[in-house]
N, C-alpha and C. Protein backbone atom coordinates (compact mmCIF):
# COMPACT_ATOMS: atom_id res chain seq x y z
N MET A 1 16.46 6.82 3.72
CA MET A 1 15.11 5.52 3.58
C MET A 1 14.96 4.79 2.75
N LYS A 2 14.76 3.59 2.95
CA LYS A 2 14.75 2.51 1.95
C LYS A 2 13.45 2.55 1.34
N LYS A 3 13.46 1.57 0.49
CA LYS A 3 11.93 1.31 -0.20
C LYS A 3 11.96 0.08 -0.25
N TYR A 4 10.92 -0.51 -0.13
CA TYR A 4 10.17 -1.80 -0.34
C TYR A 4 9.10 -2.12 -1.14
N MET A 5 9.53 -3.27 -1.68
CA MET A 5 8.18 -3.80 -2.68
C MET A 5 7.44 -4.95 -1.69
N VAL A 6 5.80 -4.47 -1.38
CA VAL A 6 5.29 -5.54 -0.70
C VAL A 6 4.35 -6.00 -1.61
N ILE A 7 4.29 -7.32 -2.08
CA ILE A 7 3.33 -7.94 -2.92
C ILE A 7 2.40 -8.86 -1.94
N SER A 8 1.37 -8.27 -1.80
CA SER A 8 0.08 -8.99 -0.73
C SER A 8 -0.93 -9.77 -1.41
N ARG A 9 -0.90 -10.83 -1.15
CA ARG A 9 -1.98 -12.08 -2.01
C ARG A 9 -3.22 -12.03 -0.80
N LEU A 10 -4.21 -11.98 -1.53
CA LEU A 10 -5.73 -11.82 -0.37
C LEU A 10 -6.09 -12.96 -1.14
N PRO A 11 -7.63 -13.30 -0.53
CA PRO A 11 -8.38 -14.43 -0.70
C PRO A 11 -9.11 -14.37 -1.84
N SER A 12 -9.21 -15.42 -2.54
CA SER A 12 -9.87 -15.48 -3.81
C SER A 12 -11.47 -15.34 -3.79
N ASN A 13 -11.74 -15.98 -2.42
CA ASN A 13 -13.15 -16.12 -1.93
C ASN A 13 -13.37 -15.05 -0.36
N PRO A 14 -13.34 -13.94 -0.62
CA PRO A 14 -13.21 -13.35 0.82
C PRO A 14 -14.76 -13.59 1.52
N ASP A 15 -14.57 -13.32 2.83
CA ASP A 15 -15.83 -13.46 3.41
C ASP A 15 -16.38 -12.56 3.87
N ASN A 16 -17.51 -12.26 4.50
CA ASN A 16 -18.05 -10.76 4.80
C ASN A 16 -17.50 -9.99 5.88
N ARG A 17 -16.51 -10.29 6.61
CA ARG A 17 -15.83 -9.76 7.48
C ARG A 17 -14.50 -9.00 6.83
N PHE A 18 -13.99 -9.72 5.65
CA PHE A 18 -13.07 -9.01 4.93
C PHE A 18 -13.94 -7.89 4.22
N VAL A 19 -14.95 -8.28 3.18
CA VAL A 19 -15.65 -6.98 2.83
C VAL A 19 -16.34 -5.92 3.47
N SER A 20 -16.55 -6.09 4.93
CA SER A 20 -16.83 -5.47 5.89
C SER A 20 -15.28 -4.25 6.70
N LEU A 21 -14.27 -5.26 6.62
CA LEU A 21 -13.16 -4.23 6.59
C LEU A 21 -12.30 -3.22 5.40
N ILE A 22 -12.79 -3.67 4.43
CA ILE A 22 -12.70 -2.50 3.40
C ILE A 22 -12.66 -0.98 3.38
N PRO A 23 -13.72 -0.45 3.98
CA PRO A 23 -13.53 0.86 4.08
C PRO A 23 -12.58 1.28 4.86
N GLU A 24 -12.24 0.58 6.01
CA GLU A 24 -11.07 1.03 7.11
C GLU A 24 -9.79 0.93 6.59
N GLN A 25 -9.81 -0.30 5.93
CA GLN A 25 -8.47 -0.47 5.04
C GLN A 25 -7.99 0.72 3.82
N ARG A 26 -8.94 1.13 3.53
CA ARG A 26 -8.85 2.56 2.31
C ARG A 26 -8.37 3.58 3.09
N ARG A 27 -8.90 3.97 4.66
CA ARG A 27 -8.81 5.15 5.09
C ARG A 27 -7.52 4.87 5.75
N VAL A 28 -6.91 3.74 6.24
CA VAL A 28 -5.50 3.35 6.53
C VAL A 28 -4.67 3.65 5.41
N VAL A 29 -4.85 3.30 4.38
CA VAL A 29 -3.80 3.78 3.33
C VAL A 29 -3.60 4.85 2.79
N ARG A 30 -5.10 5.77 2.76
CA ARG A 30 -4.84 6.94 2.68
C ARG A 30 -3.57 7.85 3.54
N GLU A 31 -4.28 7.55 4.92
CA GLU A 31 -3.21 8.49 5.85
C GLU A 31 -1.83 7.81 5.68
N MET A 32 -1.42 6.54 5.41
CA MET A 32 -0.34 6.15 5.17
C MET A 32 0.21 6.77 3.80
N LEU A 33 -0.69 7.26 3.07
CA LEU A 33 -0.19 7.81 1.54
C LEU A 33 0.38 9.51 1.90
N MET A 34 -0.52 9.81 2.74
CA MET A 34 -0.49 11.13 2.94
C MET A 34 0.98 11.55 4.15
N LYS A 35 1.05 10.58 4.67
CA LYS A 35 2.24 10.45 5.56
C LYS A 35 3.37 10.31 5.13
N GLY A 36 3.57 9.90 3.81
CA GLY A 36 4.83 9.15 3.18
C GLY A 36 5.46 7.82 3.41
N LEU A 37 4.55 7.32 4.53
CA LEU A 37 4.74 6.00 4.56
C LEU A 37 4.92 4.81 3.27
N LEU A 38 3.89 5.13 2.70
CA LEU A 38 3.61 4.55 1.51
C LEU A 38 3.59 5.59 0.31
N SER A 39 4.52 5.18 -0.90
CA SER A 39 4.21 5.98 -2.14
C SER A 39 3.65 5.50 -2.97
N SER A 40 2.96 3.98 -3.33
CA SER A 40 2.55 3.41 -4.04
C SER A 40 1.44 2.45 -3.29
N TYR A 41 -0.04 2.10 -4.00
CA TYR A 41 -0.43 1.09 -3.46
C TYR A 41 -1.37 1.03 -4.38
N ALA A 42 -1.46 -0.40 -5.11
CA ALA A 42 -2.12 -0.67 -6.44
C ALA A 42 -3.11 -2.23 -5.84
N LEU A 43 -4.21 -2.48 -6.55
CA LEU A 43 -4.81 -3.66 -6.42
C LEU A 43 -4.86 -4.38 -7.58
N SER A 44 -4.66 -5.57 -8.08
CA SER A 44 -5.18 -6.20 -9.37
C SER A 44 -6.54 -6.00 -10.00
N ALA A 45 -6.70 -6.20 -10.95
CA ALA A 45 -8.09 -6.21 -11.57
C ALA A 45 -8.70 -7.28 -10.90
N GLU A 46 -8.62 -8.51 -10.39
CA GLU A 46 -8.76 -9.35 -9.99
C GLU A 46 -9.17 -9.65 -8.76
N LYS A 47 -8.40 -8.62 -8.06
CA LYS A 47 -8.70 -8.31 -6.30
C LYS A 47 -8.02 -9.01 -5.74
N ASP A 48 -6.93 -9.61 -6.40
CA ASP A 48 -6.36 -10.84 -5.47
C ASP A 48 -4.89 -10.35 -5.06
N THR A 49 -4.65 -9.22 -5.74
CA THR A 49 -2.97 -8.91 -5.47
C THR A 49 -2.91 -7.42 -4.86
N ILE A 50 -2.26 -7.29 -4.09
CA ILE A 50 -2.11 -5.69 -3.80
C ILE A 50 -0.34 -5.39 -3.95
N TRP A 51 0.10 -4.51 -4.52
CA TRP A 51 1.44 -4.26 -4.57
C TRP A 51 1.58 -2.80 -3.73
N MET A 52 2.82 -2.77 -2.98
CA MET A 52 2.73 -1.28 -2.67
C MET A 52 4.30 -1.56 -2.59
N ILE A 53 4.74 0.24 -2.37
CA ILE A 53 6.02 0.59 -2.47
C ILE A 53 5.93 1.25 -1.10
N VAL A 54 7.01 0.93 0.14
CA VAL A 54 6.85 1.37 1.66
C VAL A 54 8.15 1.97 1.66
N GLU A 55 8.40 2.85 2.48
CA GLU A 55 9.63 3.65 2.75
C GLU A 55 9.76 3.64 4.25
N ALA A 56 10.68 2.76 4.74
CA ALA A 56 11.16 2.33 5.79
C ALA A 56 12.74 2.04 5.92
N GLU A 57 13.35 2.33 7.09
CA GLU A 57 14.55 2.05 7.33
C GLU A 57 14.90 0.40 7.51
N THR A 58 13.89 -0.77 8.13
CA THR A 58 14.29 -1.73 7.98
C THR A 58 13.11 -2.70 7.75
N GLU A 59 13.45 -3.79 7.24
CA GLU A 59 12.21 -4.83 6.84
C GLU A 59 11.17 -4.65 7.79
N LEU A 60 11.80 -4.77 9.35
CA LEU A 60 10.97 -5.16 10.57
C LEU A 60 10.03 -3.75 10.74
N GLN A 61 10.30 -2.47 10.43
CA GLN A 61 9.49 -1.20 10.33
C GLN A 61 8.38 -1.77 9.29
N VAL A 62 8.90 -2.27 8.12
CA VAL A 62 7.63 -2.54 7.14
C VAL A 62 6.40 -3.71 7.70
N ILE A 63 7.15 -4.57 8.31
CA ILE A 63 6.54 -5.58 8.87
C ILE A 63 5.06 -4.78 9.88
N THR A 64 5.95 -3.84 10.77
CA THR A 64 5.07 -2.94 11.84
C THR A 64 4.12 -2.24 11.06
N LEU A 65 4.47 -1.66 10.11
CA LEU A 65 3.46 -1.02 9.05
C LEU A 65 2.24 -1.74 8.64
N LEU A 66 2.67 -2.76 8.03
CA LEU A 66 1.52 -3.72 8.00
C LEU A 66 0.70 -4.49 8.67
N ALA A 67 1.14 -4.52 10.00
CA ALA A 67 0.49 -5.04 11.30
C ALA A 67 -0.60 -3.76 11.37
N ASP A 68 -0.42 -2.58 11.01
CA ASP A 68 -1.73 -1.50 11.09
C ASP A 68 -2.98 -1.76 9.94
N PHE A 69 -2.71 -2.72 9.18
CA PHE A 69 -4.03 -2.81 8.24
C PHE A 69 -5.38 -3.31 8.60
N PRO A 70 -6.53 -2.93 8.50
CA PRO A 70 -7.17 -3.88 8.95
C PRO A 70 -7.46 -5.38 8.34
N LEU A 71 -6.72 -5.54 7.36
CA LEU A 71 -7.08 -6.77 6.23
C LEU A 71 -6.03 -7.39 6.73
N ARG A 72 -5.11 -7.42 7.45
CA ARG A 72 -3.39 -7.84 7.95
C ARG A 72 -3.73 -9.20 7.70
N SER A 73 -4.88 -9.58 8.68
CA SER A 73 -5.23 -11.02 8.85
C SER A 73 -5.34 -11.98 7.54
N TYR A 74 -5.80 -11.30 6.25
CA TYR A 74 -5.88 -11.93 5.13
C TYR A 74 -4.78 -11.98 4.06
N MET A 75 -3.65 -11.09 4.32
CA MET A 75 -2.84 -10.68 3.75
C MET A 75 -1.58 -11.83 3.73
N LYS A 76 -1.10 -11.94 2.47
CA LYS A 76 0.03 -13.05 2.47
C LYS A 76 1.07 -12.19 1.81
N ASN A 77 1.88 -11.42 2.81
CA ASN A 77 2.94 -10.87 2.26
C ASN A 77 4.12 -11.17 1.87
N ASP A 78 4.85 -11.02 0.70
CA ASP A 78 6.28 -10.78 0.33
C ASP A 78 6.83 -9.50 0.48
N ILE A 79 7.96 -9.55 1.27
CA ILE A 79 8.71 -8.31 1.04
C ILE A 79 9.88 -8.09 0.85
N ARG A 80 10.13 -7.14 -0.15
CA ARG A 80 11.54 -7.14 -1.01
C ARG A 80 11.84 -5.69 -0.92
N GLU A 81 13.40 -5.55 -0.27
CA GLU A 81 14.01 -4.36 -0.53
C GLU A 81 14.49 -3.91 -1.89
N LEU A 82 14.08 -2.95 -2.29
CA LEU A 82 14.43 -2.27 -3.88
C LEU A 82 15.66 -1.76 -3.68
N LEU A 83 16.53 -1.84 -4.77
CA LEU A 83 17.57 -0.92 -5.22
C LEU A 83 17.32 0.35 -5.39
N PHE A 84 16.34 0.64 -6.40
CA PHE A 84 15.66 1.92 -6.70
C PHE A 84 14.45 2.00 -7.12
N HIS A 85 13.42 3.00 -6.74
CA HIS A 85 12.20 2.81 -7.55
C HIS A 85 11.94 4.18 -8.33
N ASN A 86 11.98 4.12 -9.71
CA ASN A 86 11.49 5.59 -10.17
C ASN A 86 10.12 5.63 -10.61
N ALA A 87 9.74 6.83 -10.19
CA ALA A 87 8.35 7.35 -10.24
C ALA A 87 8.00 8.72 -11.07
N ILE A 88 7.21 8.69 -11.72
CA ILE A 88 6.77 10.16 -12.10
C ILE A 88 5.47 10.65 -11.21
N THR A 89 5.26 11.68 -10.62
CA THR A 89 4.45 12.29 -10.32
C THR A 89 3.69 13.60 -11.10
N ARG A 90 2.87 13.31 -11.76
CA ARG A 90 2.07 14.26 -12.32
C ARG A 90 1.07 15.52 -11.41
N LEU A 91 1.89 16.38 -11.86
CA LEU A 91 0.79 17.63 -11.02
C LEU A 91 -0.30 18.21 -12.10
N SER A 92 -1.33 18.39 -11.40
CA SER A 92 -2.19 19.19 -12.52
C SER A 92 -2.35 20.68 -12.03
N LEU A 93 -1.51 21.37 -12.76
CA LEU A 93 -1.64 22.71 -12.28
C LEU A 93 -2.82 23.45 -13.01
N LYS A 94 -3.47 24.51 -12.39
CA LYS A 94 -4.53 25.20 -12.79
C LYS A 94 -3.52 26.74 -13.68
N PRO A 95 -3.85 26.85 -14.91
CA PRO A 95 -3.21 28.04 -15.29
C PRO A 95 -3.92 29.53 -14.59
N SER A 96 -2.74 30.57 -14.34
CA SER A 96 -3.30 31.44 -13.60
C SER A 96 -3.63 32.78 -14.88
N LEU A 97 -4.61 33.41 -14.57
CA LEU A 97 -5.20 34.29 -15.45
C LEU A 97 -4.84 35.67 -15.21
N ASN A 98 -3.66 35.59 -14.61
CA ASN A 98 -2.87 37.16 -14.31
C ASN A 98 -1.91 37.56 -15.49
């Protein structure tokens, strides 16, 4: 499986429809993260850029995945295949009292 960086530009002055789609966008993102289709999803503090790491075999699969986003018509996407992507996942383990 290849990894792709997707940089999505969002409108600087979103309309009411955009805002109404945010809860559904968040639901879809959570679902894709749980399925392993997305390994990372981040929004800039200015709320005008999204960065995603997508797991897919081809760029066409990435485009197909992005088409499932409720905010797709507001997103201007730049898709780049990555040579590698290193990340650390921190697990919070609860100590056993045994």
